[in-house]
C-alpha atoms as a PDB file:
ATOM      1  CA  MET A   1      -0.224  -0.182   0.162  1.00  0.00           C
ATOM      2  CA  SER A   2       1.409   3.325  -1.298  1.00  0.00           C
ATOM      3  CA  SER A   3       2.162   5.689   1.987  1.00  0.00           C
ATOM      4  CA  GLU A   4       0.703   8.514   0.069  1.00  0.00           C
ATOM      5  CA  ALA A   5      -2.914   9.110   1.453  1.00  0.00           C
ATOM      6  CA  PRO A   6      -5.528  10.025  -1.493  1.00  0.00           C
ATOM      7  CA  ARG A   7      -6.735  13.444  -1.668  1.00  0.00           C
ATOM      8  CA  ASP A   8     -10.555  12.399  -0.824  1.00  0.00           C
ATOM      9  CA  PRO A   9     -11.831   9.166   0.036  1.00  0.00           C
ATOM     10  CA  GLU A  10     -13.940   8.641  -3.423  1.00  0.00           C
ATOM     11  CA  GLU A  11     -10.557   7.997  -4.957  1.00  0.00           C
ATOM     12  CA  LEU A  12     -10.850   4.497  -4.003  1.00  0.00           C
ATOM     13  CA  GLU A  13     -13.189   1.999  -5.438  1.00  0.00           C
ATOM     14  CA  ALA A  14     -15.703   1.186  -3.179  1.00  0.00           C
ATOM     15  CA  THR A  15     -16.325  -2.119  -1.723  1.00  0.00           C
ATOM     16  CA  GLY A  16     -19.160  -3.929   0.684  1.00  0.00           C
ATOM     17  CA  ALA A  17     -23.181  -3.626   0.072  1.00  0.00           C
ATOM     18  CA  PRO A  18     -25.365  -1.184   1.465  1.00  0.00           C
ATOM     19  CA  ALA A  19     -26.620  -1.977   5.333  1.00  0.00           C
ATOM     20  CA  GLN A  20     -30.562  -1.465   5.835  1.00  0.00           C
ATOM     21  CA  ALA A  21     -31.043   1.837   7.803  1.00  0.00           C
ATOM     22  CA  GLU A  22     -32.991   2.613  10.816  1.00  0.00           C
ATOM     23  CA  ILE A  23     -32.641   6.169  11.286  1.00  0.00           C
ATOM     24  CA  SER A  24     -35.480   8.380   9.686  1.00  0.00           C
ATOM     25  CA  PRO A  25     -35.075   8.232   6.094  1.00  0.00           C
ATOM     26  CA  LEU A  26     -36.013  11.706   6.404  1.00  0.00           C
ATOM     27  CA  THR A  27     -32.916  12.651   8.214  1.00  0.00           C
ATOM     28  CA  THR A  28     -30.673  15.148   6.613  1.00  0.00           C
ATOM     29  CA  LEU A  29     -27.842  17.564   8.092  1.00  0.00           C
ATOM     30  CA  GLY A  30     -28.246  21.192   8.948  1.00  0.00           C
ATOM     31  CA  PRO A  31     -25.431  23.695   9.581  1.00  0.00           C
ATOM     32  CA  VAL A  32     -21.464  23.079  10.341  1.00  0.00           C
ATOM     33  CA  HIS A  33     -20.119  25.087  13.337  1.00  0.00           C
ATOM     34  CA  LEU A  34     -16.630  26.150  12.926  1.00  0.00           C
ATOM     35  CA  THR A  35     -13.824  27.855  15.219  1.00  0.00           C
ATOM     36  CA  VAL A  36     -11.880  30.332  13.106  1.00  0.00           C
ATOM     37  CA  ALA A  37      -8.675  32.699  14.039  1.00  0.00           C
ATOM     38  CA  ASP A  38     -10.189  35.814  12.193  1.00  0.00           C
ATOM     39  CA  LEU A  39     -13.394  36.285  11.991  1.00  0.00           C
ATOM     40  CA  GLY A  40     -12.948  38.827   9.192  1.00  0.00           C
ATOM     41  CA  SER A  41     -10.683  36.684   6.690  1.00  0.00           C
ATOM     42  CA  SER A  42     -12.795  34.087   7.189  1.00  0.00           C
ATOM     43  CA  LEU A  43     -16.277  36.549   6.561  1.00  0.00           C
ATOM     44  CA  ASP A  44     -14.378  37.700   3.425  1.00  0.00           C
ATOM     45  CA  PHE A  45     -13.414  34.672   2.171  1.00  0.00           C
ATOM     46  CA  TYR A  46     -16.940  33.008   3.132  1.00  0.00           C
ATOM     47  CA  ARG A  47     -18.986  35.908   1.081  1.00  0.00           C
ATOM     48  CA  THR A  48     -16.360  36.642  -1.924  1.00  0.00           C
ATOM     49  CA  ALA A  49     -14.580  32.676  -2.444  1.00  0.00           C
ATOM     50  CA  VAL A  50     -17.590  30.508  -1.677  1.00  0.00           C
ATOM     51  CA  GLY A  51     -20.397  33.241  -2.193  1.00  0.00           C
ATOM     52  CA  LEU A  52     -22.615  32.361   1.208  1.00  0.00           C
ATOM     53  CA  ASP A  53     -24.568  35.553   2.540  1.00  0.00           C
ATOM     54  CA  VAL A  54     -24.082  36.629   5.896  1.00  0.00           C
ATOM     55  CA  LEU A  55     -27.465  36.422   7.807  1.00  0.00           C
ATOM     56  CA  ALA A  56     -26.260  37.353  11.548  1.00  0.00           C
ATOM     57  CA  GLU A  57     -23.263  38.296  13.465  1.00  0.00           C
ATOM     58  CA  PRO A  58     -23.656  37.604  17.041  1.00  0.00           C
ATOM     59  CA  ASP A  59     -20.583  39.129  19.287  1.00  0.00           C
ATOM     60  CA  GLY A  60     -17.561  37.008  17.797  1.00  0.00           C
ATOM     61  CA  GLY A  61     -19.175  34.892  15.561  1.00  0.00           C
ATOM     62  CA  ALA A  62     -21.181  35.034  12.206  1.00  0.00           C
ATOM     63  CA  SER A  63     -24.212  32.772  10.427  1.00  0.00           C
ATOM     64  CA  LEU A  64     -23.759  32.265   6.931  1.00  0.00           C
ATOM     65  CA  GLY A  65     -26.446  30.643   4.356  1.00  0.00           C
ATOM     66  CA  SER A  66     -28.008  30.920   1.145  1.00  0.00           C
ATOM     67  CA  GLY A  67     -31.523  32.204   0.335  1.00  0.00           C
ATOM     68  CA  GLY A  68     -31.887  32.887   3.904  1.00  0.00           C
ATOM     69  CA  LYS A  69     -31.008  29.135   4.992  1.00  0.00           C
ATOM     70  CA  GLU A  70     -28.145  28.490   7.716  1.00  0.00           C
ATOM     71  CA  LEU A  71     -25.598  26.567   6.731  1.00  0.00           C
ATOM     72  CA  VAL A  72     -22.115  27.533   8.268  1.00  0.00           C
ATOM     73  CA  VAL A  73     -21.900  29.181  11.368  1.00  0.00           C
ATOM     74  CA  LEU A  74     -18.316  30.985  12.487  1.00  0.00           C
ATOM     75  CA  VAL A  75     -17.116  31.293  15.861  1.00  0.00           C
ATOM     76  CA  GLU A  76     -13.736  33.561  16.362  1.00  0.00           C
ATOM     77  CA  GLU A  77     -10.867  32.258  18.479  1.00  0.00           C
ATOM     78  CA  PRO A  78      -8.466  35.006  17.805  1.00  0.00           C
ATOM     79  CA  GLY A  79      -5.049  33.416  16.785  1.00  0.00           C
ATOM     80  CA  ALA A  80      -6.613  29.698  17.213  1.00  0.00           C
ATOM     81  CA  PRO A  81      -3.992  27.532  15.215  1.00  0.00           C
ATOM     82  CA  PRO A  82      -5.478  24.934  12.930  1.00  0.00           C
ATOM     83  CA  ALA A  83      -6.261  21.752  13.816  1.00  0.00           C
ATOM     84  CA  ALA A  84      -3.829  19.811  11.599  1.00  0.00           C
ATOM     85  CA  GLY A  85      -2.919  16.083  13.292  1.00  0.00           C
ATOM     86  CA  TYR A  86      -6.282  15.250  14.938  1.00  0.00           C
ATOM     87  CA  THR A  87      -9.432  13.986  14.396  1.00  0.00           C
ATOM     88  CA  GLY A  88     -12.403  16.761  13.284  1.00  0.00           C
ATOM     89  CA  LEU A  89     -13.550  18.015  10.089  1.00  0.00           C
ATOM     90  CA  TYR A  90     -12.516  16.376   6.597  1.00  0.00           C
ATOM     91  CA  HIS A  91     -14.687  18.845   4.683  1.00  0.00           C
ATOM     92  CA  PHE A  92     -18.202  19.911   5.107  1.00  0.00           C
ATOM     93  CA  ALA A  93     -20.492  19.795   1.319  1.00  0.00           C
ATOM     94  CA  LEU A  94     -22.595  22.031  -0.065  1.00  0.00           C
ATOM     95  CA  LEU A  95     -24.914  20.799  -2.544  1.00  0.00           C
ATOM     96  CA  LEU A  96     -25.996  22.934  -5.326  1.00  0.00           C
ATOM     97  CA  PRO A  97     -29.337  22.409  -7.260  1.00  0.00           C
ATOM     98  CA  GLU A  98     -28.445  22.132 -10.639  1.00  0.00           C
ATOM     99  CA  ARG A  99     -25.000  21.418 -12.772  1.00  0.00           C
ATOM    100  CA  SER A 100     -25.146  24.720 -14.354  1.00  0.00           C
ATOM    101  CA  ASP A 101     -24.890  26.539 -10.684  1.00  0.00           C
ATOM    102  CA  LEU A 102     -22.065  24.918 -10.334  1.00  0.00           C
ATOM    103  CA  ALA A 103     -20.710  25.532 -13.218  1.00  0.00           C
ATOM    104  CA  GLY A 104     -21.321  28.985 -12.640  1.00  0.00           C
ATOM    105  CA  TRP A 105     -19.524  28.763  -9.270  1.00  0.00           C
ATOM    106  CA  LEU A 106     -16.246  27.014 -11.302  1.00  0.00           C
ATOM    107  CA  ALA A 107     -16.344  30.064 -13.671  1.00  0.00           C
ATOM    108  CA  HIS A 108     -16.425  32.528 -10.543  1.00  0.00           C
ATOM    109  CA  VAL A 109     -13.639  30.991  -8.824  1.00  0.00           C
ATOM    110  CA  VAL A 110     -11.463  30.334 -12.037  1.00  0.00           C
ATOM    111  CA  ARG A 111     -12.388  34.062 -12.993  1.00  0.00           C
ATOM    112  CA  ASP A 112     -11.573  35.624  -9.477  1.00  0.00           C
ATOM    113  CA  ARG A 113      -8.402  33.000  -9.022  1.00  0.00           C
ATOM    114  CA  VAL A 114     -10.045  31.547  -6.116  1.00  0.00           C
ATOM    115  CA  PRO A 115      -7.346  28.237  -5.275  1.00  0.00           C
ATOM    116  CA  LEU A 116      -8.878  24.792  -5.246  1.00  0.00           C
ATOM    117  CA  THR A 117      -7.460  21.768  -3.970  1.00  0.00           C
ATOM    118  CA  GLY A 118      -9.491  19.175  -6.555  1.00  0.00           C
ATOM    119  CA  LEU A 119     -11.955  18.809  -9.277  1.00  0.00           C
ATOM    120  CA  SER A 120     -13.397  15.164  -9.308  1.00  0.00           C
ATOM    121  CA  ASP A 121     -15.992  13.236 -11.039  1.00  0.00           C
ATOM    122  CA  HIS A 122     -17.365  10.465  -8.822  1.00  0.00           C
ATOM    123  CA  PHE A 123     -20.268   9.299 -10.979  1.00  0.00           C
ATOM    124  CA  VAL A 124     -23.041  10.407  -8.143  1.00  0.00           C
ATOM    125  CA  SER A 125     -21.675  13.405  -8.124  1.00  0.00           C
ATOM    126  CA  GLU A 126     -19.410  16.114 -10.018  1.00  0.00           C
ATOM    127  CA  ALA A 127     -17.490  17.854  -6.877  1.00  0.00           C
ATOM    128  CA  ILE A 128     -14.798  20.984  -6.657  1.00  0.00           C
ATOM    129  CA  TYR A 129     -13.202  21.502  -3.360  1.00  0.00           C
ATOM    130  CA  LEU A 130     -10.980  24.055  -1.446  1.00  0.00           C
ATOM    131  CA  SER A 131     -10.226  25.283   1.896  1.00  0.00           C
ATOM    132  CA  ASP A 132     -10.660  28.022   4.061  1.00  0.00           C
ATOM    133  CA  PRO A 133      -8.203  30.224   5.428  1.00  0.00           C
ATOM    134  CA  ASP A 134      -8.140  27.949   8.798  1.00  0.00           C
ATOM    135  CA  GLY A 135      -7.383  24.506   6.692  1.00  0.00           C
ATOM    136  CA  HIS A 136     -11.454  23.959   6.991  1.00  0.00           C
ATOM    137  CA  GLY A 137     -12.374  21.670   4.096  1.00  0.00           C
ATOM    138  CA  ILE A 138     -15.085  22.599   1.805  1.00  0.00           C
ATOM    139  CA  GLU A 139     -16.931  20.867  -0.916  1.00  0.00           C
ATOM    140  CA  ILE A 140     -18.774  22.601  -3.460  1.00  0.00           C
ATOM    141  CA  TYR A 141     -21.033  19.854  -5.840  1.00  0.00           C
ATOM    142  CA  TRP A 142     -24.094  18.896  -7.559  1.00  0.00           C
ATOM    143  CA  ASP A 143     -25.482  15.367  -7.751  1.00  0.00           C
ATOM    144  CA  ARG A 144     -26.407  13.276 -10.691  1.00  0.00           C
ATOM    145  CA  PRO A 145     -29.780  12.089 -10.788  1.00  0.00           C
ATOM    146  CA  ARG A 146     -30.418   9.737  -8.125  1.00  0.00           C
ATOM    147  CA  GLU A 147     -32.017   7.283 -10.849  1.00  0.00           C
ATOM    148  CA  VAL A 148     -28.103   7.360 -12.413  1.00  0.00           C
ATOM    149  CA  TRP A 149     -26.311   5.932  -8.772  1.00  0.00           C
ATOM    150  CA  GLU A 150     -29.089   4.310  -6.976  1.00  0.00           C
ATOM    151  CA  GLY A 151     -28.375   0.834  -5.605  1.00  0.00           C
ATOM    152  CA  GLN A 152     -25.345   1.286  -7.269  1.00  0.00           C
ATOM    153  CA  VAL A 153     -23.087   3.382  -4.915  1.00  0.00           C
ATOM    154  CA  ASP A 154     -20.776   0.953  -3.182  1.00  0.00           C
ATOM    155  CA  MET A 155     -19.744  -0.324  -6.604  1.00  0.00           C
ATOM    156  CA  ARG A 156     -19.571   2.483  -8.612  1.00  0.00           C
ATOM    157  CA  MET A 157     -18.570   5.476  -6.633  1.00  0.00           C
ATOM    158  CA  THR A 158     -14.821   6.805  -7.382  1.00  0.00           C
ATOM    159  CA  THR A 159     -12.792   9.740  -8.536  1.00  0.00           C
ATOM    160  CA  LEU A 160     -12.263  10.448 -12.049  1.00  0.00           C
ATOM    161  CA  PRO A 161     -11.088  14.078 -13.053  1.00  0.00           C
ATOM    162  CA  LEU A 162     -13.880  16.111 -13.669  1.00  0.00           C
ATOM    163  CA  ASP A 163     -14.763  17.195 -16.898  1.00  0.00           C
ATOM    164  CA  VAL A 164     -14.530  21.128 -17.512  1.00  0.00           C
ATOM    165  CA  PRO A 165     -15.362  22.095 -20.910  1.00  0.00           C
ATOM    166  CA  SER A 166     -18.197  19.842 -20.428  1.00  0.00           C
ATOM    167  CA  LEU A 167     -18.915  21.636 -17.016  1.00  0.00           C
ATOM    168  CA  LEU A 168     -18.541  24.902 -18.369  1.00  0.00           C
ATOM    169  CA  GLY A 169     -20.514  24.130 -21.609  1.00  0.00           C
ATOM    170  CA  GLU A 170     -23.795  24.627 -19.456  1.00  0.00           C
ATOM    171  CA  LEU A 171     -23.291  28.509 -19.535  1.00  0.00           C
ATOM    172  CA  GLU A 172     -23.731  30.483 -22.512  1.00  0.00           C
ATOM    173  CA  ASP A 173     -20.099  32.601 -21.657  1.00  0.00           C
ATOM    174  CA  PRO A 174     -18.460  31.803 -18.537  1.00  0.00           C
ATOM    175  CA  ALA A 175     -16.044  34.621 -19.134  1.00  0.00           C
ATOM    176  CA  SER A 176     -18.975  36.950 -18.371  1.00  0.00           C
ATOM    177  CA  GLU A 177     -21.411  34.616 -16.333  1.00  0.00           C
ATOM    178  CA  PRO A 178     -22.425  36.452 -13.131  1.00  0.00           C
ATOM    179  CA  PHE A 179     -21.860  35.218 -10.375  1.00  0.00           C
ATOM    180  CA  ASP A 180     -24.107  36.774  -7.260  1.00  0.00           C
ATOM    181  CA  GLY A 181     -23.341  33.728  -4.412  1.00  0.00           C
ATOM    182  CA  LEU A 182     -24.680  30.314  -4.138  1.00  0.00           C
ATOM    183  CA  ALA A 183     -27.930  29.452  -5.632  1.00  0.00           C
ATOM    184  CA  ALA A 184     -31.047  29.516  -3.333  1.00  0.00           C
ATOM    185  CA  GLY A 185     -31.887  25.642  -2.803  1.00  0.00           C
ATOM    186  CA  THR A 186     -28.376  24.722  -1.655  1.00  0.00           C
ATOM    187  CA  VAL A 187     -28.146  22.661   1.150  1.00  0.00           C
ATOM    188  CA  MET A 188     -25.620  20.829   3.231  1.00  0.00           C
ATOM    189  CA  GLY A 189     -25.756  18.068   1.425  1.00  0.00           C
ATOM    190  CA  HIS A 190     -22.778  16.057   3.491  1.00  0.00           C
ATOM    191  CA  VAL A 191     -20.050  16.059   5.980  1.00  0.00           C
ATOM    192  CA  HIS A 192     -16.866  14.166   6.194  1.00  0.00           C
ATOM    193  CA  LEU A 193     -15.167  13.607   9.418  1.00  0.00           C
ATOM    194  CA  LYS A 194     -11.943  12.662  10.369  1.00  0.00           C
ATOM    195  CA  VAL A 195     -11.984   9.776  12.169  1.00  0.00           C
ATOM    196  CA  SER A 196      -9.308   7.778  14.728  1.00  0.00           C
ATOM    197  CA  SER A 197     -10.737   4.452  13.811  1.00  0.00           C
ATOM    198  CA  ILE A 198     -12.725   2.963  11.527  1.00  0.00           C
ATOM    199  CA  PRO A 199     -14.641  -0.294  13.305  1.00  0.00           C
ATOM    200  CA  PRO A 200     -15.696   1.977  16.674  1.00  0.00           C
ATOM    201  CA  THR A 201     -17.063   4.787  14.241  1.00  0.00           C
ATOM    202  CA  LEU A 202     -18.803   1.576  11.908  1.00  0.00           C
ATOM    203  CA  ASP A 203     -20.534   0.847  15.553  1.00  0.00           C
ATOM    204  CA  PHE A 204     -21.623   3.982  16.526  1.00  0.00           C
ATOM    205  CA  TYR A 205     -22.903   5.394  13.373  1.00  0.00           C
ATOM    206  CA  ARG A 206     -24.698   2.394  11.807  1.00  0.00           C
ATOM    207  CA  ASP A 207     -24.868  -0.130  14.594  1.00  0.00           C
ATOM    208  CA  ARG A 208     -26.421   3.040  17.079  1.00  0.00           C
ATOM    209  CA  LEU A 209     -27.545   5.698  15.261  1.00  0.00           C
ATOM    210  CA  GLY A 210     -28.491   3.356  12.649  1.00  0.00           C
ATOM    211  CA  PHE A 211     -27.407   5.353   9.453  1.00  0.00           C
ATOM    212  CA  ALA A 212     -26.759   2.697   6.708  1.00  0.00           C
ATOM    213  CA  VAL A 213     -23.307   1.963   5.211  1.00  0.00           C
ATOM    214  CA  MET A 214     -23.334   2.590   1.558  1.00  0.00           C
ATOM    215  CA  ALA A 215     -19.726   1.967   0.865  1.00  0.00           C
ATOM    216  CA  GLU A 216     -16.647   0.810   2.644  1.00  0.00           C
ATOM    217  CA  TYR A 217     -13.163   1.373   2.274  1.00  0.00           C
ATOM    218  CA  GLY A 218     -11.610  -1.619   4.606  1.00  0.00           C
ATOM    219  CA  ARG A 219      -9.755   0.129   7.723  1.00  0.00           C
ATOM    220  CA  GLN A 220      -9.547   3.608   5.525  1.00  0.00           C
ATOM    221  CA  ALA A 221     -12.921   5.106   5.105  1.00  0.00           C
ATOM    222  CA  ALA A 222     -16.346   4.542   4.926  1.00  0.00           C
ATOM    223  CA  PHE A 223     -19.911   6.613   3.860  1.00  0.00           C
ATOM    224  CA  LEU A 224     -22.906   6.360   5.591  1.00  0.00           C
ATOM    225  CA  ALA A 225     -26.159   7.683   4.467  1.00  0.00           C
ATOM    226  CA  ALA A 226     -30.399   7.447   5.641  1.00  0.00           C
ATOM    227  CA  GLY A 227     -32.693   6.726   3.199  1.00  0.00           C
ATOM    228  CA  GLY A 228     -30.653   5.785  -0.039  1.00  0.00           C
ATOM    229  CA  TYR A 229     -28.255   8.650  -0.630  1.00  0.00           C
ATOM    230  CA  HIS A 230     -24.812   7.887  -1.752  1.00  0.00           C
ATOM    231  CA  HIS A 231     -23.686   9.527   1.831  1.00  0.00           C
ATOM    232  CA  HIS A 232     -24.744  11.821   4.484  1.00  0.00           C
ATOM    233  CA  LEU A 233     -21.536  11.008   6.349  1.00  0.00           C
ATOM    234  CA  GLY A 234     -18.033  10.310   5.560  1.00  0.00           C
ATOM    235  CA  ALA A 235     -15.414   8.966   7.820  1.00  0.00           C
ATOM    236  CA  ASN A 236     -11.663   8.134   7.209  1.00  0.00           C
ATOM    237  CA  THR A 237      -8.036   7.735   8.868  1.00  0.00           C
ATOM    238  CA  TRP A 238      -5.702   9.338   6.219  1.00  0.00           C
ATOM    239  CA  GLU A 239      -4.703  12.107   8.415  1.00  0.00           C
ATOM    240  CA  SER A 240      -6.255  10.739  11.611  1.00  0.00           C
ATOM    241  CA  ALA A 241      -5.287   7.490  12.302  1.00  0.00           C
ATOM    242  CA  GLY A 242      -5.020   6.912  16.126  1.00  0.00           C
ATOM    243  CA  ALA A 243      -5.628  10.593  16.723  1.00  0.00           C
ATOM    244  CA  ALA A 244      -6.657  12.458  19.617  1.00  0.00           C
ATOM    245  CA  SER A 245      -9.504  14.835  19.376  1.00  0.00           C
ATOM    246  CA  PRO A 246      -8.235  18.816  18.671  1.00  0.00           C
ATOM    247  CA  PRO A 247      -7.491  20.629  21.886  1.00  0.00           C
ATOM    248  CA  PRO A 248      -9.010  23.471  23.116  1.00  0.00           C
ATOM    249  CA  GLY A 249      -8.086  26.840  21.257  1.00  0.00           C
ATOM    250  CA  THR A 250      -7.741  25.331  17.691  1.00  0.00           C
ATOM    251  CA  ALA A 251      -9.692  25.901  14.748  1.00  0.00           C
ATOM    252  CA  ALA A 252     -11.803  22.869  14.695  1.00  0.00           C
ATOM    253  CA  LEU A 253     -15.070  21.943  14.002  1.00  0.00           C
ATOM    254  CA  ARG A 254     -17.274  22.873  16.987  1.00  0.00           C
ATOM    255  CA  HIS A 255     -19.715  20.522  15.754  1.00  0.00           C
ATOM    256  CA  ALA A 256     -22.149  18.969  12.808  1.00  0.00           C
ATOM    257  CA  THR A 257     -25.806  19.120  12.708  1.00  0.00           C
ATOM    258  CA  ILE A 258     -28.173  16.063  12.058  1.00  0.00           C
ATOM    259  CA  VAL A 259     -31.769  16.704  11.516  1.00  0.00           C
ATOM    260  CA  LEU A 260     -34.170  14.493  12.418  1.00  0.00           C
ATOM    261  CA  PRO A 261     -37.909  14.416  11.325  1.00  0.00           C
ATOM    262  CA  ASP A 262     -39.783  14.538  14.780  1.00  0.00           C
ATOM    263  CA  GLU A 263     -38.834  14.301  18.147  1.00  0.00           C
ATOM    264  CA  PRO A 264     -40.012  10.659  18.757  1.00  0.00           C
ATOM    265  CA  GLU A 265     -36.659  10.091  16.225  1.00  0.00           C
ATOM    266  CA  ARG A 266     -34.817  11.953  18.040  1.00  0.00           C
ATOM    267  CA  GLU A 267     -35.273  11.032  21.232  1.00  0.00           C
ATOM    268  CA  ARG A 268     -34.552   7.725  19.499  1.00  0.00           C
ATOM    269  CA  VAL A 269     -31.364   8.412  18.348  1.00  0.00           C
ATOM    270  CA  LEU A 270     -29.968  10.402  21.804  1.00  0.00           C
ATOM    271  CA  ALA A 271     -31.360   7.058  23.735  1.00  0.00           C
ATOM    272  CA  ASP A 272     -29.320   4.642  21.525  1.00  0.00           C
ATOM    273  CA  ALA A 273     -26.264   6.630  20.835  1.00  0.00           C
ATOM    274  CA  GLY A 274     -24.999   4.877  24.038  1.00  0.00           C
ATOM    275  CA  ALA A 275     -24.149   7.932  26.329  1.00  0.00           C
ATOM    276  CA  GLU A 276     -25.248  10.928  28.154  1.00  0.00           C
ATOM    277  CA  PRO A 277     -26.300  13.915  25.522  1.00  0.00           C
ATOM    278  CA  ARG A 278     -24.606  16.982  26.182  1.00  0.00           C
ATOM    279  CA  GLU A 279     -26.530  20.402  26.466  1.00  0.00           C
ATOM    280  CA  THR A 280     -25.654  22.859  24.053  1.00  0.00           C
ATOM    281  CA  GLU A 281     -26.902  26.280  22.867  1.00  0.00           C
ATOM    282  CA  ALA A 282     -28.115  24.341  19.590  1.00  0.00           C
ATOM    283  CA  GLY A 283     -29.505  21.472  21.106  1.00  0.00           C
ATOM    284  CA  PRO A 284     -28.503  18.049  22.305  1.00  0.00           C
ATOM    285  CA  ALA A 285     -25.821  16.553  21.222  1.00  0.00           C
ATOM    286  CA  VAL A 286     -23.385  13.369  21.182  1.00  0.00           C
ATOM    287  CA  ALA A 287     -19.748  12.891  19.976  1.00  0.00           C
ATOM    288  CA  ASP A 288     -18.660  10.072  18.428  1.00  0.00           C
ATOM    289  CA  PRO A 289     -15.948   7.725  19.216  1.00  0.00           C
ATOM    290  CA  SER A 290     -13.316  10.218  17.605  1.00  0.00           C
ATOM    291  CA  GLY A 291     -15.003  13.161  20.010  1.00  0.00           C
ATOM    292  CA  ASN A 292     -16.789  14.483  16.722  1.00  0.00           C
ATOM    293  CA  LEU A 293     -19.627  16.547  18.178  1.00  0.00           C
ATOM    294  CA  LEU A 294     -22.849  16.008  16.355  1.00  0.00           C
ATOM    295  CA  VAL A 295     -25.640  18.749  17.494  1.00  0.00           C
ATOM    296  CA  LEU A 296     -29.364  16.602  16.921  1.00  0.00           C
ATOM    297  CA  THR A 297     -32.298  19.052  16.018  1.00  0.00           C
ATOM    298  CA  VAL A 298     -35.663  18.612  14.790  1.00  0.00           C
ATOM    299  CA  ALA A 299     -36.773  19.686  11.330  1.00  0.00           C
ATOM    300  CA  GLY A 300     -38.783  23.135  11.489  1.00  0.00           C
ATOM    301  CA  ALA A 301     -38.081  23.541  14.894  1.00  0.00           C
END
């Protein structure tokens, strides 16, 4: 096995059959909360490079989203160092409604010379990657129609080079295509986590919370989902095998958000998580075996 870690977990061919999910098929993901070292720099990046709107600016933080929907929350800890070498966030992924939206976003970053870390065709989706000033990974993507990939995730999800000319061909003139921010209807499509070990991660997300395993990469990575989606959660050990949680004061993931359809399902998940939930300002939360915190909310609440 090469000692060089893949850039993203979809770069290996997936193996393993999807498991039967127990969590509600209506489960989705909500906002990702992040610690940043310099709120001003981060706001400039998320507004101008990513294309998010500032929805609110409480003291020492900011809420950002698209179409009025909150997607990312930033909390400033001045001078916080990046959380490299620990468990935490690998990337969060913003799902755009249409392929033309992804094309417009790519045309924007090319024109404005926004540094990217990857451009990939994953069969289930087309995706573009970048990092924020604190090293938090970001994916901007569009899903191919579900009938193209449903039931084939474990066999077909992989990484090929993105066909950039084909994508930009969605636009009449990429050089002059206006960009006014991410499209309304953008949602948090999935969150990919750095974990210390895959087996206990599967025990937690699959056997306790009830997510289905859609694909596994041996003991390196796994993808899990509700309702047959290709993945709502990813986990890998490439940068974090055996690692500890990031120490206080680092620019790290504060928590991801799992949105459940109703209060009975939230109570079921909290009871099955295997540990006393923590109370946070955003709601009750549970930590996975690698210390990644998950706030559980109810849709519409």
